[in-house]
Amino acid sequence: MSEDPIVFEVRQVREQLAKQFNFDVHAIFEDLRKKQLSAGPRLTRRQRPTKTEQAAAPGQDSATLHPGR
């Protein structure tokens, strides 16, 4: 079975990142948090729908989504 080139590339990048931070998961996430803060307004947060918006949205019965269950 041949290896997917995208999976191979992702694994290489993961290995490089781990080596850069001496395989310390906490250091990797601290760096990610710093990058996230420095990104500033480029990142958006999804707003939760208000109760009015939820009431206006048609409800879906899970039985209609999964017939035969």
N, C-alpha and C. Protein backbone atom coordinates (compact mmCIF):
# COMPACT_ATOMS: atom_id res chain seq x y z
N MET A 1 0.85 -1.17 0.00
CA MET A 1 0.00 0.00 0.00
C MET A 1 0.90 1.24 0.00
N SER A 2 0.63 2.16 -0.92
CA SER A 2 1.45 3.37 -0.99
C SER A 2 0.95 4.42 -0.01
N GLU A 3 1.86 5.23 0.46
CA GLU A 3 1.50 6.25 1.43
C GLU A 3 1.00 7.50 0.72
N ASP A 4 -0.01 8.12 1.27
CA ASP A 4 -0.58 9.34 0.73
C ASP A 4 0.44 10.47 0.90
N PRO A 5 0.74 11.23 -0.16
CA PRO A 5 1.76 12.28 -0.05
C PRO A 5 1.35 13.41 0.90
N ILE A 6 0.08 13.67 1.02
CA ILE A 6 -0.38 14.72 1.94
C ILE A 6 -0.17 14.28 3.38
N VAL A 7 -0.52 13.04 3.68
CA VAL A 7 -0.31 12.50 5.02
C VAL A 7 1.18 12.51 5.35
N PHE A 8 2.00 12.13 4.38
CA PHE A 8 3.45 12.12 4.58
C PHE A 8 3.95 13.52 4.91
N GLU A 9 3.48 14.53 4.18
CA GLU A 9 3.92 15.91 4.41
C GLU A 9 3.48 16.40 5.79
N VAL A 10 2.24 16.10 6.16
CA VAL A 10 1.74 16.51 7.48
C VAL A 10 2.58 15.89 8.59
N ARG A 11 2.93 14.64 8.42
CA ARG A 11 3.75 13.96 9.44
C ARG A 11 5.15 14.56 9.52
N GLN A 12 5.69 14.96 8.38
CA GLN A 12 7.01 15.61 8.38
C GLN A 12 6.95 16.94 9.13
N VAL A 13 5.94 17.72 8.85
CA VAL A 13 5.80 19.03 9.51
C VAL A 13 5.60 18.83 11.01
N ARG A 14 4.80 17.84 11.38
CA ARG A 14 4.58 17.55 12.80
C ARG A 14 5.90 17.18 13.49
N GLU A 15 6.70 16.38 12.83
CA GLU A 15 7.99 15.97 13.39
C GLU A 15 8.93 17.17 13.55
N GLN A 16 8.95 18.05 12.55
CA GLN A 16 9.79 19.25 12.62
C GLN A 16 9.37 20.16 13.76
N LEU A 17 8.05 20.33 13.90
CA LEU A 17 7.53 21.17 14.98
C LEU A 17 7.88 20.57 16.34
N ALA A 18 7.72 19.28 16.47
CA ALA A 18 8.05 18.62 17.74
C ALA A 18 9.53 18.78 18.07
N LYS A 19 10.40 18.62 17.09
CA LYS A 19 11.84 18.78 17.32
C LYS A 19 12.17 20.21 17.72
N GLN A 20 11.51 21.17 17.06
CA GLN A 20 11.76 22.59 17.34
C GLN A 20 11.51 22.91 18.81
N PHE A 21 10.53 22.24 19.41
CA PHE A 21 10.18 22.51 20.81
C PHE A 21 10.60 21.36 21.72
N ASN A 22 11.59 20.58 21.27
CA ASN A 22 12.14 19.50 22.08
C ASN A 22 11.06 18.53 22.56
N PHE A 23 10.09 18.27 21.69
CA PHE A 23 9.00 17.33 21.94
C PHE A 23 8.19 17.68 23.19
N ASP A 24 8.13 18.98 23.51
CA ASP A 24 7.39 19.47 24.68
C ASP A 24 6.03 20.01 24.20
N VAL A 25 4.98 19.25 24.46
CA VAL A 25 3.64 19.63 24.01
C VAL A 25 3.22 20.97 24.59
N HIS A 26 3.55 21.21 25.85
CA HIS A 26 3.16 22.47 26.49
C HIS A 26 3.83 23.65 25.79
N ALA A 27 5.07 23.51 25.40
CA ALA A 27 5.78 24.58 24.69
C ALA A 27 5.18 24.81 23.31
N ILE A 28 4.78 23.75 22.64
CA ILE A 28 4.15 23.89 21.32
C ILE A 28 2.86 24.69 21.44
N PHE A 29 2.02 24.35 22.42
CA PHE A 29 0.75 25.05 22.58
C PHE A 29 0.93 26.48 23.06
N GLU A 30 1.95 26.72 23.88
CA GLU A 30 2.24 28.09 24.30
C GLU A 30 2.60 28.95 23.09
N ASP A 31 3.40 28.40 22.19
CA ASP A 31 3.75 29.10 20.97
C ASP A 31 2.52 29.36 20.10
N LEU A 32 1.63 28.38 20.01
CA LEU A 32 0.40 28.56 19.24
C LEU A 32 -0.47 29.66 19.84
N ARG A 33 -0.54 29.69 21.17
CA ARG A 33 -1.35 30.74 21.83
C ARG A 33 -0.77 32.13 21.54
N LYS A 34 0.56 32.25 21.57
CA LYS A 34 1.20 33.54 21.26
C LYS A 34 0.89 33.96 19.83
N LYS A 35 0.97 33.01 18.90
CA LYS A 35 0.67 33.32 17.50
C LYS A 35 -0.79 33.71 17.34
N GLN A 36 -1.67 33.06 18.08
CA GLN A 36 -3.09 33.38 18.01
C GLN A 36 -3.36 34.79 18.51
N LEU A 37 -2.71 35.16 19.61
CA LEU A 37 -2.89 36.51 20.15
C LEU A 37 -2.33 37.57 19.20
N SER A 38 -1.20 37.27 18.58
CA SER A 38 -0.60 38.26 17.67
C SER A 38 -1.39 38.38 16.37
N ALA A 39 -2.24 37.40 16.05
CA ALA A 39 -3.04 37.47 14.83
C ALA A 39 -4.12 38.55 14.95
N GLY A 40 -4.52 38.83 16.17
CA GLY A 40 -5.48 39.89 16.44
C GLY A 40 -6.80 39.75 15.72
N PRO A 41 -7.26 40.82 15.07
CA PRO A 41 -8.60 40.83 14.49
C PRO A 41 -8.77 39.93 13.26
N ARG A 42 -7.70 39.31 12.80
CA ARG A 42 -7.87 38.42 11.65
C ARG A 42 -8.66 37.18 12.03
N LEU A 43 -8.67 36.85 13.32
CA LEU A 43 -9.43 35.70 13.78
C LEU A 43 -10.82 36.15 14.21
N THR A 44 -11.82 35.36 13.92
CA THR A 44 -13.18 35.69 14.32
C THR A 44 -13.70 34.61 15.24
N ARG A 45 -14.61 34.99 16.06
CA ARG A 45 -15.26 34.02 16.93
C ARG A 45 -16.71 33.91 16.50
N ARG A 46 -17.18 32.69 16.47
CA ARG A 46 -18.56 32.45 16.06
C ARG A 46 -19.49 32.90 17.19
N GLN A 47 -20.47 33.70 16.83
CA GLN A 47 -21.43 34.17 17.82
C GLN A 47 -22.49 33.10 18.05
N ARG A 48 -22.86 32.91 19.30
CA ARG A 48 -23.94 31.97 19.60
C ARG A 48 -25.27 32.61 19.18
N PRO A 49 -26.17 31.83 18.63
CA PRO A 49 -27.46 32.41 18.26
C PRO A 49 -28.24 32.83 19.51
N THR A 50 -28.97 33.92 19.38
CA THR A 50 -29.79 34.38 20.51
C THR A 50 -31.00 33.46 20.63
N LYS A 51 -31.70 33.59 21.74
CA LYS A 51 -32.89 32.75 21.94
C LYS A 51 -33.95 33.06 20.89
N THR A 52 -34.03 34.32 20.46
CA THR A 52 -34.99 34.70 19.43
C THR A 52 -34.65 34.01 18.11
N GLU A 53 -33.37 33.99 17.76
CA GLU A 53 -32.94 33.33 16.53
C GLU A 53 -33.19 31.82 16.60
N GLN A 54 -32.97 31.25 17.77
CA GLN A 54 -33.20 29.82 17.94
C GLN A 54 -34.68 29.49 17.80
N ALA A 55 -35.54 30.35 18.35
CA ALA A 55 -36.98 30.12 18.28
C ALA A 55 -37.48 30.27 16.84
N ALA A 56 -36.86 31.15 16.07
CA ALA A 56 -37.28 31.37 14.69
C ALA A 56 -36.84 30.25 13.76
N ALA A 57 -35.79 29.54 14.13
CA ALA A 57 -35.27 28.45 13.29
C ALA A 57 -36.18 27.24 13.43
N PRO A 58 -36.50 26.61 12.31
CA PRO A 58 -37.37 25.43 12.41
C PRO A 58 -36.64 24.30 13.12
N GLY A 59 -37.33 23.65 14.02
CA GLY A 59 -36.74 22.54 14.75
C GLY A 59 -36.70 21.30 13.87
N GLN A 60 -35.74 20.44 14.14
CA GLN A 60 -35.65 19.19 13.41
C GLN A 60 -35.73 18.04 14.40
N ASP A 61 -36.64 17.17 14.11
CA ASP A 61 -36.77 15.97 14.93
C ASP A 61 -35.70 15.00 14.48
N SER A 62 -34.95 14.43 15.41
CA SER A 62 -33.86 13.54 15.04
C SER A 62 -34.36 12.31 14.30
N ALA A 63 -35.62 11.94 14.50
CA ALA A 63 -36.17 10.79 13.79
C ALA A 63 -36.25 11.05 12.29
N THR A 64 -36.48 12.30 11.91
CA THR A 64 -36.53 12.61 10.47
C THR A 64 -35.14 12.63 9.86
N LEU A 65 -34.13 12.87 10.68
CA LEU A 65 -32.76 12.89 10.17
C LEU A 65 -32.22 11.47 9.99
N HIS A 66 -32.69 10.53 10.78
CA HIS A 66 -32.20 9.16 10.77
C HIS A 66 -33.37 8.18 10.66
N PRO A 67 -34.00 8.10 9.50
CA PRO A 67 -35.13 7.18 9.38
C PRO A 67 -34.70 5.73 9.56
N GLY A 68 -35.55 4.96 10.16
CA GLY A 68 -35.27 3.54 10.36
C GLY A 68 -34.51 3.23 11.63
N ARG A 69 -34.21 4.23 12.41
CA ARG A 69 -33.52 3.97 13.68
C ARG A 69 -34.50 3.81 14.79
